[in-house]
C-alpha atoms as a PDB file:
ATOM      1  CA  UNK A   1      -1.472  -1.837 -14.033  1.00  0.00           C
ATOM      2  CA  UNK A   2       0.567   0.190 -16.443  1.00  0.00           C
ATOM      3  CA  UNK A   3       4.291   0.126 -15.956  1.00  0.00           C
ATOM      4  CA  UNK A   4       4.274   3.775 -14.862  1.00  0.00           C
ATOM      5  CA  UNK A   5       1.804   2.834 -12.098  1.00  0.00           C
ATOM      6  CA  UNK A   6       4.066   0.035 -10.967  1.00  0.00           C
ATOM      7  CA  UNK A   7       7.029   2.408 -10.970  1.00  0.00           C
ATOM      8  CA  UNK A   8       5.104   4.828  -8.754  1.00  0.00           C
ATOM      9  CA  UNK A   9       4.250   2.048  -6.296  1.00  0.00           C
ATOM     10  CA  UNK A  10       7.842   0.780  -6.340  1.00  0.00           C
ATOM     11  CA  UNK A  11       9.137   4.305  -5.734  1.00  0.00           C
ATOM     12  CA  UNK A  12       6.850   4.656  -2.696  1.00  0.00           C
ATOM     13  CA  UNK A  13       8.017   1.298  -1.342  1.00  0.00           C
ATOM     14  CA  UNK A  14      11.668   2.276  -1.838  1.00  0.00           C
ATOM     15  CA  UNK A  15      11.133   5.602  -0.044  1.00  0.00           C
ATOM     16  CA  UNK A  16       9.493   3.800   2.874  1.00  0.00           C
ATOM     17  CA  UNK A  17      12.353   1.282   3.020  1.00  0.00           C
ATOM     18  CA  UNK A  18      14.786   4.196   3.152  1.00  0.00           C
ATOM     19  CA  UNK A  19      12.816   5.829   5.947  1.00  0.00           C
ATOM     20  CA  UNK A  20      12.842   2.602   7.948  1.00  0.00           C
ATOM     21  CA  UNK A  21      16.585   2.218   7.440  1.00  0.00           C
ATOM     22  CA  UNK A  22      16.952   5.784   8.645  1.00  0.00           C
ATOM     23  CA  UNK A  23      15.047   4.942  11.816  1.00  0.00           C
ATOM     24  CA  UNK A  24      17.421   2.040  12.422  1.00  0.00           C
ATOM     25  CA  UNK A  25      20.401   4.371  12.051  1.00  0.00           C
ATOM     26  CA  UNK A  26      18.798   6.871  14.412  1.00  0.00           C
ATOM     27  CA  UNK A  27      18.370   4.157  17.047  1.00  0.00           C
ATOM     28  CA  UNK A  28      21.960   2.969  16.542  1.00  0.00           C
ATOM     29  CA  UNK A  29      23.187   6.543  16.940  1.00  0.00           C
ATOM     30  CA  UNK A  30      21.196   7.020  20.145  1.00  0.00           C
ATOM     31  CA  UNK A  31      19.219   9.927  18.697  1.00  0.00           C
ATOM     32  CA  UNK A  32      16.590  11.782  20.703  1.00  0.00           C
ATOM     33  CA  UNK A  33      13.480   9.650  21.198  1.00  0.00           C
ATOM     34  CA  UNK A  34      11.075  12.327  19.970  1.00  0.00           C
ATOM     35  CA  UNK A  35      13.017  12.614  16.703  1.00  0.00           C
ATOM     36  CA  UNK A  36      12.721   8.844  16.218  1.00  0.00           C
ATOM     37  CA  UNK A  37       9.021   8.921  17.052  1.00  0.00           C
ATOM     38  CA  UNK A  38       8.518  11.697  14.486  1.00  0.00           C
ATOM     39  CA  UNK A  39      10.159   9.513  11.854  1.00  0.00           C
ATOM     40  CA  UNK A  40       7.974   6.562  12.843  1.00  0.00           C
ATOM     41  CA  UNK A  41       4.915   8.786  12.378  1.00  0.00           C
ATOM     42  CA  UNK A  42       6.199   9.763   8.919  1.00  0.00           C
ATOM     43  CA  UNK A  43       6.615   6.082   7.973  1.00  0.00           C
ATOM     44  CA  UNK A  44       3.114   5.268   9.186  1.00  0.00           C
ATOM     45  CA  UNK A  45       1.748   8.090   7.069  1.00  0.00           C
ATOM     46  CA  UNK A  46       3.712   6.887   4.047  1.00  0.00           C
ATOM     47  CA  UNK A  47       2.426   3.326   4.571  1.00  0.00           C
ATOM     48  CA  UNK A  48      -1.142   4.623   4.749  1.00  0.00           C
ATOM     49  CA  UNK A  49      -0.651   6.495   1.462  1.00  0.00           C
ATOM     50  CA  UNK A  50       0.789   3.344  -0.120  1.00  0.00           C
ATOM     51  CA  UNK A  51      -2.187   1.340   1.126  1.00  0.00           C
ATOM     52  CA  UNK A  52      -4.640   3.841  -0.360  1.00  0.00           C
ATOM     53  CA  UNK A  53      -2.804   3.727  -3.701  1.00  0.00           C
ATOM     54  CA  UNK A  54      -2.870  -0.082  -3.745  1.00  0.00           C
ATOM     55  CA  UNK A  55      -6.508  -0.249  -2.699  1.00  0.00           C
ATOM     56  CA  UNK A  56      -7.438   2.245  -5.408  1.00  0.00           C
ATOM     57  CA  UNK A  57      -5.520   0.196  -7.968  1.00  0.00           C
ATOM     58  CA  UNK A  58      -7.304  -2.956  -6.818  1.00  0.00           C
ATOM     59  CA  UNK A  59     -10.710  -1.301  -7.098  1.00  0.00           C
ATOM     60  CA  UNK A  60      -9.935   0.018 -10.581  1.00  0.00           C
ATOM     61  CA  UNK A  61      -8.285  -3.066 -12.040  1.00  0.00           C
ATOM     62  CA  UNK A  62      -9.800  -5.993 -10.201  1.00  0.00           C
ATOM     63  CA  UNK A  63     -13.248  -4.865  -9.074  1.00  0.00           C
ATOM     64  CA  UNK A  64     -14.541  -2.282 -11.554  1.00  0.00           C
ATOM     65  CA  UNK A  65     -12.874  -3.997 -14.519  1.00  0.00           C
ATOM     66  CA  UNK A  66     -14.034  -7.452 -13.381  1.00  0.00           C
ATOM     67  CA  UNK A  67     -15.452  -9.409 -16.294  1.00  0.00           C
ATOM     68  CA  UNK A  68     -14.652  -6.729 -18.882  1.00  0.00           C
ATOM     69  CA  UNK A  69     -11.569  -8.426 -20.272  1.00  0.00           C
ATOM     70  CA  UNK A  70      -9.424  -5.495 -19.170  1.00  0.00           C
ATOM     71  CA  UNK A  71      -8.956  -6.579 -15.571  1.00  0.00           C
ATOM     72  CA  UNK A  72      -5.506  -7.070 -14.068  1.00  0.00           C
ATOM     73  CA  UNK A  73      -3.736 -10.194 -15.349  1.00  0.00           C
ATOM     74  CA  UNK A  74      -3.685 -11.767 -11.892  1.00  0.00           C
ATOM     75  CA  UNK A  75      -7.269 -10.859 -10.926  1.00  0.00           C
ATOM     76  CA  UNK A  76      -9.091 -13.893  -9.539  1.00  0.00           C
ATOM     77  CA  UNK A  77     -12.350 -15.029 -11.069  1.00  0.00           C
ATOM     78  CA  UNK A  78     -14.987 -14.222  -8.442  1.00  0.00           C
ATOM     79  CA  UNK A  79     -18.648 -13.448  -8.138  1.00  0.00           C
ATOM     80  CA  UNK A  80     -19.718  -9.916  -7.219  1.00  0.00           C
ATOM     81  CA  UNK A  81     -20.425 -11.133  -3.669  1.00  0.00           C
ATOM     82  CA  UNK A  82     -16.926 -12.621  -3.414  1.00  0.00           C
ATOM     83  CA  UNK A  83     -15.392  -9.394  -4.730  1.00  0.00           C
ATOM     84  CA  UNK A  84     -17.362  -7.367  -2.202  1.00  0.00           C
ATOM     85  CA  UNK A  85     -16.302  -9.691   0.625  1.00  0.00           C
ATOM     86  CA  UNK A  86     -12.665  -9.422  -0.478  1.00  0.00           C
ATOM     87  CA  UNK A  87     -12.785  -5.614  -0.492  1.00  0.00           C
ATOM     88  CA  UNK A  88     -14.554  -5.595   2.884  1.00  0.00           C
ATOM     89  CA  UNK A  89     -11.851  -7.835   4.374  1.00  0.00           C
ATOM     90  CA  UNK A  90      -9.101  -5.671   2.891  1.00  0.00           C
ATOM     91  CA  UNK A  91     -10.683  -2.497   4.270  1.00  0.00           C
ATOM     92  CA  UNK A  92     -11.184  -4.041   7.691  1.00  0.00           C
ATOM     93  CA  UNK A  93      -7.510  -5.042   7.877  1.00  0.00           C
ATOM     94  CA  UNK A  94      -6.288  -1.767   6.436  1.00  0.00           C
ATOM     95  CA  UNK A  95      -8.286   0.442   8.790  1.00  0.00           C
ATOM     96  CA  UNK A  96      -7.213  -1.287  12.008  1.00  0.00           C
END
Protein backbone atom coordinates (compact mmCIF):
# COMPACT_ATOMS: atom_id res chain seq x y z
CA UNK A 1 0.00 0.00 0.00
CA UNK A 2 1.17 3.50 -0.70
CA UNK A 3 2.58 5.40 2.22
CA UNK A 4 -0.41 7.75 2.22
CA UNK A 5 -2.68 4.71 2.64
CA UNK A 6 -0.61 3.51 5.56
CA UNK A 7 -0.76 6.98 7.10
CA UNK A 8 -4.56 6.94 6.83
CA UNK A 9 -4.74 3.54 8.53
CA UNK A 10 -2.29 4.65 11.22
CA UNK A 11 -4.31 7.82 11.81
CA UNK A 12 -7.49 5.75 12.28
CA UNK A 13 -5.70 3.44 14.72
CA UNK A 14 -4.35 6.41 16.68
CA UNK A 15 -7.82 7.99 16.88
CA UNK A 16 -9.27 4.72 18.16
CA UNK A 17 -6.48 4.41 20.74
CA UNK A 18 -7.30 7.93 21.91
CA UNK A 19 -10.98 7.08 22.17
CA UNK A 20 -10.20 4.00 24.24
CA UNK A 21 -7.95 6.02 26.54
CA UNK A 22 -10.79 8.49 26.90
CA UNK A 23 -13.12 5.70 27.97
CA UNK A 24 -10.60 4.67 30.62
CA UNK A 25 -10.49 8.23 31.93
CA UNK A 26 -14.28 8.39 31.96
CA UNK A 27 -14.43 5.22 34.06
CA UNK A 28 -11.74 6.54 36.42
CA UNK A 29 -13.69 9.78 36.81
CA UNK A 30 -16.91 7.92 37.57
CA UNK A 31 -18.72 9.47 34.61
CA UNK A 32 -22.35 8.68 33.82
CA UNK A 33 -22.72 5.14 32.47
CA UNK A 34 -24.72 6.20 29.41
CA UNK A 35 -21.96 8.63 28.41
CA UNK A 36 -19.41 5.80 28.64
CA UNK A 37 -21.66 3.47 26.66
CA UNK A 38 -22.02 6.13 23.96
CA UNK A 39 -18.24 6.33 23.70
CA UNK A 40 -17.99 2.54 23.49
CA UNK A 41 -20.48 2.62 20.61
CA UNK A 42 -18.33 5.26 18.88
CA UNK A 43 -15.23 3.06 19.27
CA UNK A 44 -17.06 0.05 17.87
CA UNK A 45 -18.12 2.10 14.88
CA UNK A 46 -14.57 3.34 14.37
CA UNK A 47 -13.24 -0.23 14.58
CA UNK A 48 -15.78 -1.35 11.99
CA UNK A 49 -14.66 1.45 9.65
CA UNK A 50 -11.03 0.44 10.19
CA UNK A 51 -11.90 -3.18 9.42
CA UNK A 52 -13.64 -2.19 6.19
CA UNK A 53 -10.63 -0.10 5.14
CA UNK A 54 -8.24 -2.97 5.85
CA UNK A 55 -10.44 -5.52 4.11
CA UNK A 56 -10.72 -3.26 1.07
CA UNK A 57 -6.94 -2.84 1.03
CA UNK A 58 -6.49 -6.61 1.25
CA UNK A 59 -8.90 -7.21 -1.62
CA UNK A 60 -7.18 -4.60 -3.79
CA UNK A 61 -3.57 -5.47 -3.04
CA UNK A 62 -3.57 -9.15 -2.19
CA UNK A 63 -6.55 -10.65 -4.01
CA UNK A 64 -7.20 -8.61 -7.16
CA UNK A 65 -3.49 -7.94 -7.73
CA UNK A 66 -2.56 -11.57 -7.02
CA UNK A 67 -0.13 -12.86 -9.62
CA UNK A 68 0.18 -9.51 -11.43
CA UNK A 69 3.52 -8.56 -9.93
CA UNK A 70 1.95 -5.52 -8.29
CA UNK A 71 0.57 -7.29 -5.24
CA UNK A 72 1.49 -6.20 -1.72
CA UNK A 73 5.07 -7.10 -0.75
CA UNK A 74 3.90 -9.42 2.01
CA UNK A 75 1.10 -11.11 0.04
CA UNK A 76 1.31 -14.89 0.38
CA UNK A 77 1.52 -17.08 -2.69
CA UNK A 78 -1.84 -18.86 -2.84
CA UNK A 79 -4.18 -20.47 -5.30
CA UNK A 80 -7.47 -18.74 -6.12
CA UNK A 81 -9.26 -21.26 -3.88
CA UNK A 82 -6.90 -20.47 -1.00
CA UNK A 83 -7.41 -16.74 -1.52
CA UNK A 84 -11.18 -17.20 -1.53
CA UNK A 85 -11.02 -19.30 1.64
CA UNK A 86 -8.85 -16.65 3.32
CA UNK A 87 -11.29 -13.86 2.44
CA UNK A 88 -14.23 -16.00 3.58
CA UNK A 89 -12.54 -16.65 6.93
CA UNK A 90 -11.72 -12.96 7.34
CA UNK A 91 -15.31 -11.95 6.57
CA UNK A 92 -16.72 -14.55 8.92
CA UNK A 93 -14.55 -13.28 11.78
CA UNK A 94 -15.15 -9.64 10.95
CA UNK A 95 -18.93 -9.92 10.76
CA UNK A 96 -19.39 -11.70 14.09
